[in-house]
Amino acid sequence: MSNQLNPTPDSNQPVYQIRLQGHLGRQWSNWFGGLTVTLEDNGETLLTGPVIDQAALHGLLRKVRDIGLPLLSVVRIEPDQTDAASGKA
């Protein structure tokens, strides 16, 4: 099992969006394996990025549990939907 979420960029890797209740600082991006941290106007945090496999996804969810922010959703998206799903044009 690898501790790396995305050791080599690959367009075939699934991209996930993890939505949390509350705001995290952008400095948490490194702790979450380089996932993009987006602070939503409604007070939620969106973590977005490729995840190499299910073991890495479970590792991310353990980290969410450890920081104590409520988990709102986990969604697997197509890489070309990343901008559209976060409300960017």
Protein backbone atom coordinates (compact mmCIF):
# COMPACT_ATOMS: atom_id res chain seq x y z
CA MET A 1 0.00 0.00 0.00
CA SER A 2 1.39 3.39 -0.98
CA ASN A 3 1.15 6.55 1.11
CA GLN A 4 1.22 8.62 -2.07
CA LEU A 5 -2.10 9.72 -3.50
CA ASN A 6 -0.82 10.41 -6.98
CA PRO A 7 2.86 9.51 -7.41
CA THR A 8 2.76 9.91 -11.18
CA PRO A 9 0.12 12.02 -12.93
CA ASP A 10 -2.14 9.83 -15.04
CA SER A 11 -5.25 11.01 -16.83
CA ASN A 12 -6.82 7.58 -16.19
CA GLN A 13 -6.78 8.03 -12.41
CA PRO A 14 -10.13 8.83 -10.84
CA VAL A 15 -10.67 12.36 -9.57
CA TYR A 16 -12.56 12.84 -6.33
CA GLN A 17 -14.23 15.79 -4.64
CA ILE A 18 -14.51 15.55 -0.89
CA ARG A 19 -16.83 18.12 0.68
CA LEU A 20 -16.37 19.09 4.34
CA GLN A 21 -18.41 21.28 6.65
CA GLY A 22 -16.23 24.20 7.78
CA HIS A 23 -13.19 25.89 6.33
CA LEU A 24 -9.66 24.50 6.21
CA GLY A 25 -6.69 26.72 5.49
CA ARG A 26 -5.00 26.25 2.11
CA GLN A 27 -1.88 25.03 3.94
CA TRP A 28 -3.72 21.72 4.49
CA SER A 29 -3.25 20.90 0.79
CA ASN A 30 0.12 19.25 1.48
CA TRP A 31 -1.33 17.14 4.30
CA PHE A 32 -4.02 15.93 1.90
CA GLY A 33 -1.47 14.81 -0.69
CA GLY A 34 -1.59 17.93 -2.84
CA LEU A 35 -5.36 17.95 -3.36
CA THR A 36 -6.75 21.37 -4.27
CA VAL A 37 -8.39 23.08 -1.28
CA THR A 38 -11.31 25.31 -2.29
CA LEU A 39 -13.12 27.39 0.33
CA GLU A 40 -16.78 27.74 -0.61
CA ASP A 41 -18.86 30.85 0.22
CA ASN A 42 -21.31 28.67 2.16
CA GLY A 43 -18.65 27.75 4.73
CA GLU A 44 -17.70 24.40 3.22
CA THR A 45 -14.31 23.15 2.04
CA LEU A 46 -13.91 21.20 -1.18
CA LEU A 47 -10.87 18.92 -1.62
CA THR A 48 -10.37 17.97 -5.27
CA GLY A 49 -7.82 15.88 -7.11
CA PRO A 50 -6.75 12.52 -8.47
CA VAL A 51 -6.55 9.58 -6.07
CA ILE A 52 -4.48 6.59 -7.14
CA ASP A 53 -6.66 3.82 -5.66
CA GLN A 54 -9.27 2.91 -3.06
CA ALA A 55 -6.65 2.45 -0.34
CA ALA A 56 -5.48 6.03 -0.88
CA LEU A 57 -9.10 7.25 -0.78
CA HIS A 58 -9.64 5.50 2.55
CA GLY A 59 -6.44 7.14 3.82
CA LEU A 60 -7.84 10.54 2.87
CA LEU A 61 -11.09 9.79 4.67
CA ARG A 62 -9.12 8.79 7.79
CA LYS A 63 -7.39 12.17 7.67
CA VAL A 64 -10.77 13.91 7.41
CA ARG A 65 -11.90 11.98 10.48
CA ASP A 66 -8.72 12.91 12.35
CA ILE A 67 -9.17 16.67 11.87
CA GLY A 68 -12.76 16.47 13.11
CA LEU A 69 -14.58 18.33 10.33
CA PRO A 70 -17.88 16.73 9.34
CA LEU A 71 -17.77 14.88 6.01
CA LEU A 72 -20.62 16.00 3.75
CA SER A 73 -19.92 14.05 0.55
CA VAL A 74 -17.43 12.10 -1.52
CA VAL A 75 -17.98 12.21 -5.28
CA ARG A 76 -15.98 10.60 -8.08
CA ILE A 77 -15.95 12.89 -11.10
CA GLU A 78 -14.58 12.82 -14.61
CA PRO A 79 -11.37 14.91 -14.83
CA ASP A 80 -12.94 17.31 -17.37
CA GLN A 81 -15.82 18.02 -14.92
CA THR A 82 -13.56 19.40 -12.18
CA ASP A 83 -14.01 23.07 -13.13
CA ALA A 84 -17.72 22.73 -13.84
CA ALA A 85 -18.45 20.93 -10.55
CA SER A 86 -16.69 23.59 -8.48
CA GLY A 87 -18.66 26.37 -10.15
CA LYS A 88 -15.80 27.72 -12.27
CA ALA A 89 -16.27 28.56 -15.91
